Amino acid sequence: MAYAIVKAGGRQEKVSVGSIVVMNKIEGEAGDKVELEPILLVDGDKVTTSADGISATVTGEIVRAEKGPKIDIIKYKNKTGYRKRQGHRQQLTRVKITSIA
């Protein structure tokens, strides 16, 4: 079973063929191909790092764009009547890994 550690949207993710990764938003529509940068590649007993020079590429297909959970940001100061409310939902992209070659 081969798997790779890739840079995916500011984080590192462990992926194998067929796995689905949710990462920060990347440009593209559903069905577009995407290449991810491998940091570490494990193929059976053989482990290759980016320092050794990985010749493999990890490709995936964008499944859909989605949003993360709602985060509420509330600021409050006592006795002054100061209240401020703000919300945030992170833009995400769901990617299915199609090949590690």
PDB file of N, CA and C in Angstrom:
ATOM      1  N   MET A   1       0.847  -1.192   0.000  1.00  0.00           N
ATOM      2  CA  MET A   1       0.000   0.000   0.000  1.00  0.00           C
ATOM      3  C   MET A   1       0.881   1.240   0.000  1.00  0.00           C
ATOM      4  N   ALA A   2       0.819   2.019  -1.035  1.00  0.00           N
ATOM      5  CA  ALA A   2       1.605   3.239  -1.138  1.00  0.00           C
ATOM      6  C   ALA A   2       0.793   4.419  -0.625  1.00  0.00           C
ATOM      7  N   TYR A   3       1.460   5.303   0.091  1.00  0.00           N
ATOM      8  CA  TYR A   3       0.825   6.539   0.504  1.00  0.00           C
ATOM      9  C   TYR A   3       1.857   7.655   0.493  1.00  0.00           C
ATOM     10  N   ALA A   4       1.371   8.884   0.568  1.00  0.00           N
ATOM     11  CA  ALA A   4       2.249  10.043   0.521  1.00  0.00           C
ATOM     12  C   ALA A   4       1.776  11.078   1.526  1.00  0.00           C
ATOM     13  N   ILE A   5       2.722  11.876   1.988  1.00  0.00           N
ATOM     14  CA  ILE A   5       2.408  13.054   2.786  1.00  0.00           C
ATOM     15  C   ILE A   5       2.555  14.238   1.838  1.00  0.00           C
ATOM     16  N   VAL A   6       1.501  15.037   1.684  1.00  0.00           N
ATOM     17  CA  VAL A   6       1.505  16.143   0.725  1.00  0.00           C
ATOM     18  C   VAL A   6       1.195  17.458   1.422  1.00  0.00           C
ATOM     19  N   LYS A   7       1.645  18.561   0.794  1.00  0.00           N
ATOM     20  CA  LYS A   7       1.241  19.887   1.230  1.00  0.00           C
ATOM     21  C   LYS A   7      -0.127  20.157   0.634  1.00  0.00           C
ATOM     22  N   ALA A   8      -1.092  20.418   1.496  1.00  0.00           N
ATOM     23  CA  ALA A   8      -2.467  20.622   1.024  1.00  0.00           C
ATOM     24  C   ALA A   8      -3.086  21.794   1.766  1.00  0.00           C
ATOM     25  N   GLY A   9      -3.099  22.941   1.130  1.00  0.00           N
ATOM     26  CA  GLY A   9      -3.771  24.101   1.713  1.00  0.00           C
ATOM     27  C   GLY A   9      -3.163  24.573   3.017  1.00  0.00           C
ATOM     28  N   GLY A  10      -1.837  24.644   3.107  1.00  0.00           N
ATOM     29  CA  GLY A  10      -1.182  25.136   4.309  1.00  0.00           C
ATOM     30  C   GLY A  10      -0.987  24.078   5.385  1.00  0.00           C
ATOM     31  N   ARG A  11      -1.419  22.861   5.129  1.00  0.00           N
ATOM     32  CA  ARG A  11      -1.240  21.772   6.090  1.00  0.00           C
ATOM     33  C   ARG A  11      -0.620  20.587   5.388  1.00  0.00           C
ATOM     34  N   GLN A  12      -0.241  19.593   6.172  1.00  0.00           N
ATOM     35  CA  GLN A  12       0.269  18.351   5.606  1.00  0.00           C
ATOM     36  C   GLN A  12      -0.775  17.264   5.823  1.00  0.00           C
ATOM     37  N   GLU A  13      -1.054  16.510   4.778  1.00  0.00           N
ATOM     38  CA  GLU A  13      -2.079  15.466   4.829  1.00  0.00           C
ATOM     39  C   GLU A  13      -1.492  14.146   4.358  1.00  0.00           C
ATOM     40  N   LYS A  14      -1.903  13.047   4.991  1.00  0.00           N
ATOM     41  CA  LYS A  14      -1.527  11.703   4.550  1.00  0.00           C
ATOM     42  C   LYS A  14      -2.591  11.243   3.561  1.00  0.00           C
ATOM     43  N   VAL A  15      -2.160  10.908   2.335  1.00  0.00           N
ATOM     44  CA  VAL A  15      -3.106  10.526   1.294  1.00  0.00           C
ATOM     45  C   VAL A  15      -2.686   9.224   0.635  1.00  0.00           C
ATOM     46  N   SER A  16      -3.671   8.496   0.143  1.00  0.00           N
ATOM     47  CA  SER A  16      -3.446   7.322  -0.685  1.00  0.00           C
ATOM     48  C   SER A  16      -4.466   7.392  -1.821  1.00  0.00           C
ATOM     49  N   VAL A  17      -4.328   6.520  -2.796  1.00  0.00           N
ATOM     50  CA  VAL A  17      -5.230   6.555  -3.944  1.00  0.00           C
ATOM     51  C   VAL A  17      -6.656   6.273  -3.475  1.00  0.00           C
ATOM     52  N   GLY A  18      -7.585   7.140  -3.863  1.00  0.00           N
ATOM     53  CA  GLY A  18      -8.985   6.989  -3.483  1.00  0.00           C
ATOM     54  C   GLY A  18      -9.393   7.777  -2.258  1.00  0.00           C
ATOM     55  N   SER A  19      -8.426   8.321  -1.504  1.00  0.00           N
ATOM     56  CA  SER A  19      -8.787   9.075  -0.307  1.00  0.00           C
ATOM     57  C   SER A  19      -9.277  10.469  -0.676  1.00  0.00           C
ATOM     58  N   ILE A  20     -10.067  11.050   0.204  1.00  0.00           N
ATOM     59  CA  ILE A  20     -10.629  12.378  -0.004  1.00  0.00           C
ATOM     60  C   ILE A  20     -10.030  13.319   1.027  1.00  0.00           C
ATOM     61  N   VAL A  21      -9.545  14.477   0.555  1.00  0.00           N
ATOM     62  CA  VAL A  21      -8.890  15.462   1.409  1.00  0.00           C
ATOM     63  C   VAL A  21      -9.682  16.759   1.339  1.00  0.00           C
ATOM     64  N   VAL A  22      -9.925  17.377   2.498  1.00  0.00           N
ATOM     65  CA  VAL A  22     -10.568  18.686   2.550  1.00  0.00           C
ATOM     66  C   VAL A  22      -9.482  19.694   2.901  1.00  0.00           C
ATOM     67  N   MET A  23      -9.257  20.662   1.999  1.00  0.00           N
ATOM     68  CA  MET A  23      -8.185  21.634   2.189  1.00  0.00           C
ATOM     69  C   MET A  23      -8.712  23.038   1.967  1.00  0.00           C
ATOM     70  N   ASN A  24      -7.871  24.036   2.278  1.00  0.00           N
ATOM     71  CA  ASN A  24      -8.246  25.418   2.014  1.00  0.00           C
ATOM     72  C   ASN A  24      -8.529  25.594   0.535  1.00  0.00           C
ATOM     73  N   LYS A  25      -9.332  26.600   0.215  1.00  0.00           N
ATOM     74  CA  LYS A  25      -9.824  26.799  -1.156  1.00  0.00           C
ATOM     75  C   LYS A  25      -8.682  26.884  -2.160  1.00  0.00           C
ATOM     76  N   ILE A  26      -8.836  26.138  -3.269  1.00  0.00           N
ATOM     77  CA  ILE A  26      -7.936  26.243  -4.401  1.00  0.00           C
ATOM     78  C   ILE A  26      -8.768  26.589  -5.629  1.00  0.00           C
ATOM     79  N   GLU A  27      -8.144  27.241  -6.587  1.00  0.00           N
ATOM     80  CA  GLU A  27      -8.860  27.674  -7.780  1.00  0.00           C
ATOM     81  C   GLU A  27      -9.209  26.480  -8.659  1.00  0.00           C
ATOM     82  N   GLY A  28     -10.387  26.485  -9.235  1.00  0.00           N
ATOM     83  CA  GLY A  28     -10.805  25.433 -10.145  1.00  0.00           C
ATOM     84  C   GLY A  28     -12.257  25.052  -9.926  1.00  0.00           C
ATOM     85  N   GLU A  29     -12.801  24.383 -10.914  1.00  0.00           N
ATOM     86  CA  GLU A  29     -14.182  23.906 -10.863  1.00  0.00           C
ATOM     87  C   GLU A  29     -14.197  22.417 -10.541  1.00  0.00           C
ATOM     88  N   ALA A  30     -15.374  21.893 -10.239  1.00  0.00           N
ATOM     89  CA  ALA A  30     -15.529  20.462  -9.984  1.00  0.00           C
ATOM     90  C   ALA A  30     -15.139  19.684 -11.233  1.00  0.00           C
ATOM     91  N   GLY A  31     -14.308  18.655 -11.070  1.00  0.00           N
ATOM     92  CA  GLY A  31     -13.856  17.848 -12.188  1.00  0.00           C
ATOM     93  C   GLY A  31     -12.468  18.230 -12.686  1.00  0.00           C
ATOM     94  N   ASP A  32     -11.940  19.393 -12.266  1.00  0.00           N
ATOM     95  CA  ASP A  32     -10.600  19.809 -12.686  1.00  0.00           C
ATOM     96  C   ASP A  32      -9.531  18.963 -11.998  1.00  0.00           C
ATOM     97  N   LYS A  33      -8.416  18.769 -12.696  1.00  0.00           N
ATOM     98  CA  LYS A  33      -7.285  18.025 -12.145  1.00  0.00           C
ATOM     99  C   LYS A  33      -6.393  18.975 -11.355  1.00  0.00           C
ATOM    100  N   VAL A  34      -5.788  18.449 -10.286  1.00  0.00           N
ATOM    101  CA  VAL A  34      -4.929  19.245  -9.418  1.00  0.00           C
ATOM    102  C   VAL A  34      -3.702  18.415  -9.062  1.00  0.00           C
ATOM    103  N   GLU A  35      -2.517  19.047  -8.999  1.00  0.00           N
ATOM    104  CA  GLU A  35      -1.303  18.355  -8.570  1.00  0.00           C
ATOM    105  C   GLU A  35      -0.910  18.872  -7.207  1.00  0.00           C
ATOM    106  N   LEU A  36      -0.597  17.954  -6.295  1.00  0.00           N
ATOM    107  CA  LEU A  36      -0.176  18.307  -4.942  1.00  0.00           C
ATOM    108  C   LEU A  36       1.308  17.997  -4.789  1.00  0.00           C
ATOM    109  N   GLU A  37       1.982  18.790  -3.970  1.00  0.00           N
ATOM    110  CA  GLU A  37       3.416  18.640  -3.778  1.00  0.00           C
ATOM    111  C   GLU A  37       3.716  17.581  -2.715  1.00  0.00           C
ATOM    112  N   PRO A  38       4.365  16.457  -3.100  1.00  0.00           N
ATOM    113  CA  PRO A  38       4.677  15.427  -2.103  1.00  0.00           C
ATOM    114  C   PRO A  38       5.882  15.816  -1.255  1.00  0.00           C
ATOM    115  N   ILE A  39       5.793  15.555   0.044  1.00  0.00           N
ATOM    116  CA  ILE A  39       6.894  15.811   0.968  1.00  0.00           C
ATOM    117  C   ILE A  39       7.579  14.496   1.321  1.00  0.00           C
ATOM    118  N   LEU A  40       6.779  13.435   1.451  1.00  0.00           N
ATOM    119  CA  LEU A  40       7.283  12.122   1.814  1.00  0.00           C
ATOM    120  C   LEU A  40       6.476  11.086   1.048  1.00  0.00           C
ATOM    121  N   LEU A  41       7.157  10.058   0.559  1.00  0.00           N
ATOM    122  CA  LEU A  41       6.490   9.011  -0.207  1.00  0.00           C
ATOM    123  C   LEU A  41       6.883   7.664   0.374  1.00  0.00           C
ATOM    124  N   VAL A  42       5.895   6.845   0.731  1.00  0.00           N
ATOM    125  CA  VAL A  42       6.139   5.520   1.294  1.00  0.00           C
ATOM    126  C   VAL A  42       5.550   4.500   0.337  1.00  0.00           C
ATOM    127  N   ASP A  43       6.415   3.620  -0.194  1.00  0.00           N
ATOM    128  CA  ASP A  43       5.989   2.584  -1.124  1.00  0.00           C
ATOM    129  C   ASP A  43       6.535   1.261  -0.604  1.00  0.00           C
ATOM    130  N   GLY A  44       5.720   0.578   0.206  1.00  0.00           N
ATOM    131  CA  GLY A  44       6.183  -0.666   0.833  1.00  0.00           C
ATOM    132  C   GLY A  44       7.225  -0.352   1.887  1.00  0.00           C
ATOM    133  N   ASP A  45       8.438  -0.893   1.725  1.00  0.00           N
ATOM    134  CA  ASP A  45       9.529  -0.646   2.672  1.00  0.00           C
ATOM    135  C   ASP A  45      10.360   0.567   2.284  1.00  0.00           C
ATOM    136  N   LYS A  46      10.176   1.101   1.101  1.00  0.00           N
ATOM    137  CA  LYS A  46      10.975   2.208   0.602  1.00  0.00           C
ATOM    138  C   LYS A  46      10.325   3.544   0.985  1.00  0.00           C
ATOM    139  N   VAL A  47      11.103   4.403   1.675  1.00  0.00           N
ATOM    140  CA  VAL A  47      10.628   5.722   2.088  1.00  0.00           C
ATOM    141  C   VAL A  47      11.497   6.770   1.393  1.00  0.00           C
ATOM    142  N   THR A  48      10.855   7.712   0.691  1.00  0.00           N
ATOM    143  CA  THR A  48      11.568   8.771  -0.015  1.00  0.00           C
ATOM    144  C   THR A  48      11.069  10.110   0.491  1.00  0.00           C
ATOM    145  N   THR A  49      12.013  11.008   0.826  1.00  0.00           N
ATOM    146  CA  THR A  49      11.639  12.341   1.282  1.00  0.00           C
ATOM    147  C   THR A  49      11.953  13.356   0.197  1.00  0.00           C
ATOM    148  N   SER A  50      11.475  14.577   0.388  1.00  0.00           N
ATOM    149  CA  SER A  50      11.731  15.616  -0.604  1.00  0.00           C
ATOM    150  C   SER A  50      13.209  15.990  -0.634  1.00  0.00           C
ATOM    151  N   ALA A  51      13.944  15.755   0.473  1.00  0.00           N
ATOM    152  CA  ALA A  51      15.376  16.023   0.495  1.00  0.00           C
ATOM    153  C   ALA A  51      16.124  15.053  -0.422  1.00  0.00           C
ATOM    154  N   ASP A  52      15.591  13.827  -0.584  1.00  0.00           N
ATOM    155  CA  ASP A  52      16.215  12.837  -1.467  1.00  0.00           C
ATOM    156  C   ASP A  52      15.825  13.064  -2.918  1.00  0.00           C
ATOM    157  N   GLY A  53      14.855  13.890  -3.163  1.00  0.00           N
ATOM    158  CA  GLY A  53      14.392  14.169  -4.524  1.00  0.00           C
ATOM    159  C   GLY A  53      13.314  13.195  -4.952  1.00  0.00           C
ATOM    160  N   ILE A  54      12.071  13.545  -4.704  1.00  0.00           N
ATOM    161  CA  ILE A  54      10.940  12.695  -5.083  1.00  0.00           C
ATOM    162  C   ILE A  54      10.614  12.946  -6.547  1.00  0.00           C
ATOM    163  N   SER A  55      10.587  11.877  -7.327  1.00  0.00           N
ATOM    164  CA  SER A  55      10.235  12.026  -8.734  1.00  0.00           C
ATOM    165  C   SER A  55       8.752  11.748  -8.970  1.00  0.00           C
ATOM    166  N   ALA A  56       8.032  11.338  -7.930  1.00  0.00           N
ATOM    167  CA  ALA A  56       6.612  10.999  -8.059  1.00  0.00           C
ATOM    168  C   ALA A  56       5.753  12.257  -8.016  1.00  0.00           C
ATOM    169  N   THR A  57       4.570  12.151  -8.599  1.00  0.00           N
ATOM    170  CA  THR A  57       3.593  13.232  -8.527  1.00  0.00           C
ATOM    171  C   THR A  57       2.292  12.694  -7.951  1.00  0.00           C
ATOM    172  N   VAL A  58       1.620  13.527  -7.193  1.00  0.00           N
ATOM    173  CA  VAL A  58       0.331  13.168  -6.609  1.00  0.00           C
ATOM    174  C   VAL A  58      -0.722  14.013  -7.312  1.00  0.00           C
ATOM    175  N   THR A  59      -1.673  13.360  -7.975  1.00  0.00           N
ATOM    176  CA  THR A  59      -2.720  14.084  -8.683  1.00  0.00           C
ATOM    177  C   THR A  59      -4.077  13.780  -8.060  1.00  0.00           C
ATOM    178  N   GLY A  60      -4.948  14.754  -8.148  1.00  0.00           N
ATOM    179  CA  GLY A  60      -6.288  14.599  -7.608  1.00  0.00           C
ATOM    180  C   GLY A  60      -7.301  15.304  -8.479  1.00  0.00           C
ATOM    181  N   GLU A  61      -8.560  15.111  -8.137  1.00  0.00           N
ATOM    182  CA  GLU A  61      -9.656  15.715  -8.879  1.00  0.00           C
ATOM    183  C   GLU A  61     -10.532  16.475  -7.889  1.00  0.00           C
ATOM    184  N   ILE A  62     -10.876  17.713  -8.234  1.00  0.00           N
ATOM    185  CA  ILE A  62     -11.723  18.522  -7.366  1.00  0.00           C
ATOM    186  C   ILE A  62     -13.136  17.944  -7.389  1.00  0.00           C
ATOM    187  N   VAL A  63     -13.647  17.615  -6.209  1.00  0.00           N
ATOM    188  CA  VAL A  63     -14.996  17.066  -6.092  1.00  0.00           C
ATOM    189  C   VAL A  63     -16.006  18.200  -5.994  1.00  0.00           C
ATOM    190  N   ARG A  64     -15.797  19.104  -5.039  1.00  0.00           N
ATOM    191  CA  ARG A  64     -16.696  20.253  -4.892  1.00  0.00           C
ATOM    192  C   ARG A  64     -16.081  21.295  -3.962  1.00  0.00           C
ATOM    193  N   ALA A  65     -16.622  22.501  -4.024  1.00  0.00           N
ATOM    194  CA  ALA A  65     -16.265  23.574  -3.098  1.00  0.00           C
ATOM    195  C   ALA A  65     -17.278  23.556  -1.968  1.00  0.00           C
ATOM    196  N   GLU A  66     -16.820  23.855  -0.757  1.00  0.00           N
ATOM    197  CA  GLU A  66     -17.727  23.877   0.390  1.00  0.00           C
ATOM    198  C   GLU A  66     -17.240  24.883   1.405  1.00  0.00           C
ATOM    199  N   LYS A  67     -18.018  25.053   2.465  1.00  0.00           N
ATOM    200  CA  LYS A  67     -17.671  25.983   3.529  1.00  0.00           C
ATOM    201  C   LYS A  67     -17.492  25.226   4.832  1.00  0.00           C
ATOM    202  N   GLY A  68     -16.612  25.731   5.677  1.00  0.00           N
ATOM    203  CA  GLY A  68     -16.377  25.137   6.984  1.00  0.00           C
ATOM    204  C   GLY A  68     -17.462  25.548   7.968  1.00  0.00           C
ATOM    205  N   PRO A  69     -17.321  25.147   9.225  1.00  0.00           N
ATOM    206  CA  PRO A  69     -18.330  25.510  10.226  1.00  0.00           C
ATOM    207  C   PRO A  69     -18.290  27.001  10.556  1.00  0.00           C
ATOM    208  N   LYS A  70     -19.415  27.518  10.999  1.00  0.00           N
ATOM    209  CA  LYS A  70     -19.521  28.933  11.367  1.00  0.00           C
ATOM    210  C   LYS A  70     -18.777  29.166  12.680  1.00  0.00           C
ATOM    211  N   ILE A  71     -17.927  30.193  12.691  1.00  0.00           N
ATOM    212  CA  ILE A  71     -17.195  30.575  13.895  1.00  0.00           C
ATOM    213  C   ILE A  71     -17.707  31.948  14.308  1.00  0.00           C
ATOM    214  N   ASP A  72     -18.162  32.091  15.562  1.00  0.00           N
ATOM    215  CA  ASP A  72     -18.649  33.362  16.072  1.00  0.00           C
ATOM    216  C   ASP A  72     -17.536  34.071  16.825  1.00  0.00           C
ATOM    217  N   ILE A  73     -17.335  35.342  16.485  1.00  0.00           N
ATOM    218  CA  ILE A  73     -16.344  36.175  17.161  1.00  0.00           C
ATOM    219  C   ILE A  73     -17.125  37.271  17.865  1.00  0.00           C
ATOM    220  N   ILE A  74     -17.057  37.299  19.188  1.00  0.00           N
ATOM    221  CA  ILE A  74     -17.817  38.276  19.973  1.00  0.00           C
ATOM    222  C   ILE A  74     -16.847  39.047  20.851  1.00  0.00           C
ATOM    223  N   LYS A  75     -16.898  40.394  20.750  1.00  0.00           N
ATOM    224  CA  LYS A  75     -16.089  41.260  21.606  1.00  0.00           C
ATOM    225  C   LYS A  75     -17.052  42.017  22.522  1.00  0.00           C
ATOM    226  N   TYR A  76     -16.682  42.148  23.783  1.00  0.00           N
ATOM    227  CA  TYR A  76     -17.549  42.765  24.773  1.00  0.00           C
ATOM    228  C   TYR A  76     -16.694  43.476  25.808  1.00  0.00           C
ATOM    229  N   LYS A  77     -17.087  44.701  26.151  1.00  0.00           N
ATOM    230  CA  LYS A  77     -16.422  45.426  27.234  1.00  0.00           C
ATOM    231  C   LYS A  77     -17.477  45.809  28.257  1.00  0.00           C
ATOM    232  N   ASN A  78     -17.196  45.489  29.479  1.00  0.00           N
ATOM    233  CA  ASN A  78     -18.132  45.709  30.574  1.00  0.00           C
ATOM    234  C   ASN A  78     -18.334  47.204  30.852  1.00  0.00           C
ATOM    235  N   LYS A  79     -19.543  47.585  31.178  1.00  0.00           N
ATOM    236  CA  LYS A  79     -19.938  48.925  31.638  1.00  0.00           C
ATOM    237  C   LYS A  79     -19.830  50.020  30.588  1.00  0.00           C
ATOM    238  N   THR A  80     -19.459  49.717  29.361  1.00  0.00           N
ATOM    239  CA  THR A  80     -19.327  50.768  28.350  1.00  0.00           C
ATOM    240  C   THR A  80     -20.346  50.623  27.226  1.00  0.00           C
ATOM    241  N   GLY A  81     -21.070  49.548  27.187  1.00  0.00           N
ATOM    242  CA  GLY A  81     -22.044  49.325  26.131  1.00  0.00           C
ATOM    243  C   GLY A  81     -21.409  48.880  24.821  1.00  0.00           C
ATOM    244  N   TYR A  82     -20.147  48.473  24.879  1.00  0.00           N
ATOM    245  CA  TYR A  82     -19.446  48.057  23.654  1.00  0.00           C
ATOM    246  C   TYR A  82     -19.666  46.570  23.420  1.00  0.00           C
ATOM    247  N   ARG A  83     -20.339  46.259  22.314  1.00  0.00           N
ATOM    248  CA  ARG A  83     -20.528  44.870  21.897  1.00  0.00           C
ATOM    249  C   ARG A  83     -20.293  44.796  20.401  1.00  0.00           C
ATOM    250  N   LYS A  84     -19.574  43.799  19.955  1.00  0.00           N
ATOM    251  CA  LYS A  84     -19.322  43.628  18.532  1.00  0.00           C
ATOM    252  C   LYS A  84     -19.388  42.148  18.215  1.00  0.00           C
ATOM    253  N   ARG A  85     -20.144  41.804  17.179  1.00  0.00           N
ATOM    254  CA  ARG A  85     -20.305  40.413  16.787  1.00  0.00           C
ATOM    255  C   ARG A  85     -19.877  40.255  15.343  1.00  0.00           C
ATOM    256  N   GLN A  86     -19.107  39.223  15.081  1.00  0.00           N
ATOM    257  CA  GLN A  86     -18.640  38.943  13.723  1.00  0.00           C
ATOM    258  C   GLN A  86     -18.640  37.435  13.537  1.00  0.00           C
ATOM    259  N   GLY A  87     -18.881  36.982  12.316  1.00  0.00           N
ATOM    260  CA  GLY A  87     -18.876  35.558  12.016  1.00  0.00           C
ATOM    261  C   GLY A  87     -17.901  35.255  10.890  1.00  0.00           C
ATOM    262  N   HIS A  88     -17.503  34.004  10.776  1.00  0.00           N
ATOM    263  CA  HIS A  88     -16.573  33.599   9.723  1.00  0.00           C
ATOM    264  C   HIS A  88     -16.844  32.150   9.326  1.00  0.00           C
ATOM    265  N   ARG A  89     -16.809  31.876   8.009  1.00  0.00           N
ATOM    266  CA  ARG A  89     -16.865  30.510   7.492  1.00  0.00           C
ATOM    267  C   ARG A  89     -15.752  30.364   6.476  1.00  0.00           C
ATOM    268  N   GLN A  90     -14.838  29.451   6.724  1.00  0.00           N
ATOM    269  CA  GLN A  90     -13.687  29.242   5.848  1.00  0.00           C
ATOM    270  C   GLN A  90     -14.122  28.581   4.541  1.00  0.00           C
ATOM    271  N   GLN A  91     -13.587  29.064   3.426  1.00  0.00           N
ATOM    272  CA  GLN A  91     -13.840  28.467   2.114  1.00  0.00           C
ATOM    273  C   GLN A  91     -12.936  27.250   1.960  1.00  0.00           C
ATOM    274  N   LEU A  92     -13.505  26.094   1.636  1.00  0.00           N
ATOM    275  CA  LEU A  92     -12.765  24.840   1.534  1.00  0.00           C
ATOM    276  C   LEU A  92     -12.991  24.195   0.172  1.00  0.00           C
ATOM    277  N   THR A  93     -12.124  23.241  -0.163  1.00  0.00           N
ATOM    278  CA  THR A  93     -12.254  22.462  -1.385  1.00  0.00           C
ATOM    279  C   THR A  93     -12.059  20.993  -1.040  1.00  0.00           C
ATOM    280  N   ARG A  94     -12.942  20.147  -1.539  1.00  0.00           N
ATOM    281  CA  ARG A  94     -12.853  18.696  -1.335  1.00  0.00           C
ATOM    282  C   ARG A  94     -12.196  18.096  -2.575  1.00  0.00           C
ATOM    283  N   VAL A  95     -11.082  17.349  -2.371  1.00  0.00           N
ATOM    284  CA  VAL A  95     -10.295  16.771  -3.464  1.00  0.00           C
ATOM    285  C   VAL A  95     -10.180  15.269  -3.278  1.00  0.00           C
ATOM    286  N   LYS A  96     -10.421  14.506  -4.345  1.00  0.00           N
ATOM    287  CA  LYS A  96     -10.243  13.058  -4.325  1.00  0.00           C
ATOM    288  C   LYS A  96      -8.923  12.720  -5.023  1.00  0.00           C
ATOM    289  N   ILE A  97      -8.073  11.948  -4.358  1.00  0.00           N
ATOM    290  CA  ILE A  97      -6.766  11.585  -4.898  1.00  0.00           C
ATOM    291  C   ILE A  97      -6.953  10.468  -5.930  1.00  0.00           C
ATOM    292  N   THR A  98      -6.468  10.720  -7.158  1.00  0.00           N
ATOM    293  CA  THR A  98      -6.660   9.747  -8.241  1.00  0.00           C
ATOM    294  C   THR A  98      -5.436   8.900  -8.497  1.00  0.00           C
ATOM    295  N   SER A  99      -4.226   9.465  -8.314  1.00  0.00           N
ATOM    296  CA  SER A  99      -3.031   8.646  -8.572  1.00  0.00           C
ATOM    297  C   SER A  99      -1.825   9.179  -7.837  1.00  0.00           C
ATOM    298  N   ILE A 100      -0.927   8.257  -7.493  1.00  0.00           N
ATOM    299  CA  ILE A 100       0.394   8.557  -6.959  1.00  0.00           C
ATOM    300  C   ILE A 100       1.364   7.836  -7.878  1.00  0.00           C
ATOM    301  N   ALA A 101       2.052   8.591  -8.725  1.00  0.00           N
ATOM    302  CA  ALA A 101       2.942   7.959  -9.699  1.00  0.00           C
ATOM    303  C   ALA A 101       4.284   8.654  -9.743  1.00  0.00           C
TER     304      ALA A 101
END
